Amino acid sequence: MRQKKFMKETKTTKTTHVLPPDTNHHGTLFGGKLMAYIDDVASIAATRHARKPVVTASTDSVDFLKPIKVGDSVTLEAIVTYTGRSSMEVCVKVTTEVLLTGETNVAAISFLTFVAVDGDKTAVVPEIVPETEEEKWLNETAQNRAEHRKARKKHSQELAEFFKKAY
């Protein structure tokens, strides 16, 4: 029987100040910079859960909802929402705060998949246990996201074959 861990045990938070070198010509945080922050905080949550090395299997989605402006702070909260045998789905919520007024907004939502590894093989991870209503909802809706992930991966593999032949 697999070990079990509560979702709250995986929660990882990172806050940083958005400075001019982090922004584009619109004065907003580079999307790629935010994606790097997302991958970083999500990998910490996944490693915390597995207590094994992890690799990013996919960035399933990054939905940019609000701009993150220079001078704001950006906070990323990651939590493992679902586990398979060796895989983990991680949700990252990104909020921005106008530091001079205290106004906050959800700026982005992202889902990623990580796989725990042991050398060249996958490693078994503990089962995730949701407790709150929000955690239960994230856990229950994960199967639907997993089906979309599988379909997208199949399509990507077909595209890879197409490009292999086309170029």
Protein backbone atom coordinates (compact mmCIF):
# COMPACT_ATOMS: atom_id res chain seq x y z
CA MET A 1 0.00 0.00 0.00
CA ARG A 2 1.27 3.47 -0.96
CA GLN A 3 2.03 6.11 1.61
CA LYS A 4 -0.44 9.03 1.74
CA LYS A 5 0.20 12.76 2.16
CA PHE A 6 -2.13 15.70 2.59
CA MET A 7 -2.25 18.33 -0.14
CA LYS A 8 -1.42 21.05 2.38
CA GLU A 9 1.96 19.38 2.99
CA THR A 10 2.98 20.23 -0.59
CA LYS A 11 2.03 23.92 -0.53
CA THR A 12 4.90 26.09 -1.70
CA THR A 13 4.87 29.89 -1.87
CA LYS A 14 7.29 32.26 -3.56
CA THR A 15 7.03 36.05 -3.61
CA THR A 16 9.25 38.41 -5.56
CA HIS A 17 9.37 42.08 -6.47
CA VAL A 18 8.92 42.85 -10.18
CA LEU A 19 11.88 44.99 -11.21
CA PRO A 20 12.59 46.76 -14.52
CA PRO A 21 15.02 44.08 -15.84
CA ASP A 22 12.20 41.50 -15.44
CA THR A 23 9.82 43.39 -17.72
CA ASN A 24 9.17 43.95 -21.40
CA HIS A 25 8.69 47.26 -23.24
CA HIS A 26 5.11 47.43 -21.89
CA GLY A 27 6.43 47.50 -18.31
CA THR A 28 4.95 44.08 -17.55
CA LEU A 29 6.66 40.90 -16.41
CA PHE A 30 8.09 38.81 -19.25
CA GLY A 31 5.85 35.78 -19.83
CA GLY A 32 8.91 33.54 -20.04
CA LYS A 33 10.18 34.85 -16.71
CA LEU A 34 6.83 34.06 -15.10
CA MET A 35 6.90 30.59 -16.67
CA ALA A 36 10.33 29.97 -15.14
CA TYR A 37 9.00 31.05 -11.72
CA ILE A 38 6.02 28.72 -12.19
CA ASP A 39 8.20 25.73 -13.08
CA ASP A 40 10.49 26.45 -10.13
CA VAL A 41 7.77 26.68 -7.48
CA ALA A 42 5.87 23.71 -8.94
CA SER A 43 9.00 21.52 -8.92
CA ILE A 44 9.54 22.35 -5.24
CA ALA A 45 5.95 21.32 -4.41
CA ALA A 46 6.36 18.08 -6.39
CA THR A 47 9.71 17.27 -4.77
CA ARG A 48 8.25 18.03 -1.34
CA HIS A 49 5.52 15.51 -2.06
CA ALA A 50 7.67 12.79 -3.59
CA ARG A 51 10.84 13.37 -1.53
CA LYS A 52 12.58 12.17 -4.67
CA PRO A 53 14.04 13.96 -7.69
CA VAL A 54 11.37 15.09 -10.16
CA VAL A 55 11.31 16.13 -13.81
CA THR A 56 8.80 18.33 -15.58
CA ALA A 57 6.77 16.08 -17.88
CA SER A 58 4.57 18.87 -19.22
CA THR A 59 3.39 22.37 -18.68
CA ASP A 60 -0.25 21.66 -19.30
CA SER A 61 -1.45 25.23 -19.30
CA VAL A 62 -0.49 28.75 -18.38
CA ASP A 63 -3.40 31.13 -18.53
CA PHE A 64 -2.31 34.77 -18.26
CA LEU A 65 -5.28 36.63 -16.77
CA LYS A 66 -3.92 40.04 -15.68
CA PRO A 67 -0.70 41.91 -16.40
CA ILE A 68 1.99 41.95 -13.72
CA LYS A 69 3.51 45.41 -13.69
CA VAL A 70 6.92 46.72 -12.73
CA GLY A 71 6.90 47.71 -9.06
CA ASP A 72 4.26 45.11 -8.15
CA SER A 73 4.96 41.97 -6.19
CA VAL A 74 4.11 38.60 -7.63
CA THR A 75 3.26 35.60 -5.45
CA LEU A 76 3.12 32.05 -6.70
CA GLU A 77 1.39 29.31 -4.70
CA ALA A 78 1.86 25.72 -5.81
CA ILE A 79 0.11 22.61 -4.55
CA VAL A 80 0.06 18.99 -5.70
CA THR A 81 -3.55 18.33 -6.73
CA TYR A 82 -3.45 14.77 -8.04
CA THR A 83 -1.11 11.80 -8.15
CA GLY A 84 -0.73 8.76 -10.32
CA ARG A 85 1.78 6.00 -9.62
CA SER A 86 4.80 8.20 -10.38
CA SER A 87 3.24 11.38 -11.74
CA MET A 88 1.94 14.45 -9.97
CA GLU A 89 -0.28 17.26 -11.20
CA VAL A 90 0.66 20.62 -9.68
CA CYS A 91 -1.53 23.72 -9.72
CA VAL A 92 0.12 27.13 -9.49
CA LYS A 93 -1.89 30.24 -8.67
CA VAL A 94 -0.15 33.53 -9.45
CA THR A 95 -1.30 36.70 -7.73
CA THR A 96 -0.05 40.22 -8.16
CA GLU A 97 -0.15 42.98 -5.57
CA VAL A 98 0.13 46.70 -6.19
CA LEU A 99 2.38 47.32 -3.22
CA LEU A 100 1.45 50.98 -2.82
CA THR A 101 -2.31 50.31 -2.59
CA GLY A 102 -2.60 46.69 -1.48
CA GLU A 103 -4.82 45.80 -4.46
CA THR A 104 -4.45 42.13 -5.41
CA ASN A 105 -5.52 40.13 -8.46
CA VAL A 106 -5.15 36.59 -9.69
CA ALA A 107 -2.77 37.14 -12.60
CA ALA A 108 -2.30 33.58 -13.90
CA ILE A 109 -3.23 29.95 -13.32
CA SER A 110 -1.06 27.07 -14.42
CA PHE A 111 -1.13 23.28 -14.30
CA LEU A 112 2.02 21.19 -14.71
CA THR A 113 2.82 17.49 -14.54
CA PHE A 114 5.93 16.13 -12.86
CA VAL A 115 7.29 12.61 -12.68
CA ALA A 116 9.37 11.30 -9.80
CA VAL A 117 12.52 9.50 -10.88
CA ASP A 118 15.04 7.10 -9.44
CA GLY A 119 17.95 7.06 -11.85
CA ASP A 120 16.59 6.16 -15.28
CA LYS A 121 13.33 4.74 -13.88
CA THR A 122 10.18 6.31 -12.57
CA ALA A 123 9.63 6.20 -8.82
CA VAL A 124 6.40 5.61 -6.91
CA VAL A 125 4.98 8.69 -5.16
CA PRO A 126 2.64 8.90 -2.17
CA GLU A 127 -1.08 9.21 -2.84
CA ILE A 128 -2.39 12.76 -2.39
CA VAL A 129 -5.21 13.36 0.11
CA PRO A 130 -7.43 16.45 -0.24
CA GLU A 131 -9.12 17.84 2.87
CA THR A 132 -10.86 21.16 2.12
CA GLU A 133 -13.70 21.64 -0.36
CA GLU A 134 -11.33 23.53 -2.69
CA GLU A 135 -8.74 20.74 -2.52
CA LYS A 136 -11.41 18.11 -3.18
CA TRP A 137 -12.65 20.05 -6.22
CA LEU A 138 -9.11 20.35 -7.64
CA ASN A 139 -8.53 16.64 -7.04
CA GLU A 140 -11.87 15.54 -8.52
CA THR A 141 -11.47 17.65 -11.67
CA ALA A 142 -7.92 16.40 -12.27
CA GLN A 143 -9.08 13.33 -14.25
CA ASN A 144 -10.66 15.60 -16.86
CA ARG A 145 -7.43 17.60 -17.14
CA ALA A 146 -5.48 14.33 -17.46
CA GLU A 147 -7.67 13.24 -20.39
CA HIS A 148 -7.02 16.56 -22.15
CA ARG A 149 -3.29 16.15 -21.46
CA LYS A 150 -3.24 12.69 -23.03
CA ALA A 151 -5.12 13.89 -26.12
CA ARG A 152 -2.78 16.88 -26.48
CA LYS A 153 0.28 14.65 -26.11
CA LYS A 154 -1.03 12.30 -28.81
CA HIS A 155 -1.58 15.29 -31.10
CA SER A 156 1.95 16.58 -30.34
CA GLN A 157 3.39 13.17 -31.23
CA GLU A 158 1.49 13.26 -34.53
CA LEU A 159 2.85 16.76 -35.19
CA ALA A 160 6.37 15.56 -34.41
CA GLU A 161 6.01 12.81 -37.03
CA PHE A 162 4.64 15.33 -39.53
CA PHE A 163 7.55 17.73 -38.98
CA LYS A 164 10.04 14.89 -39.11
CA LYS A 165 8.81 14.05 -42.62
CA ALA A 166 8.15 17.64 -43.76
CA TYR A 167 11.59 19.00 -42.97
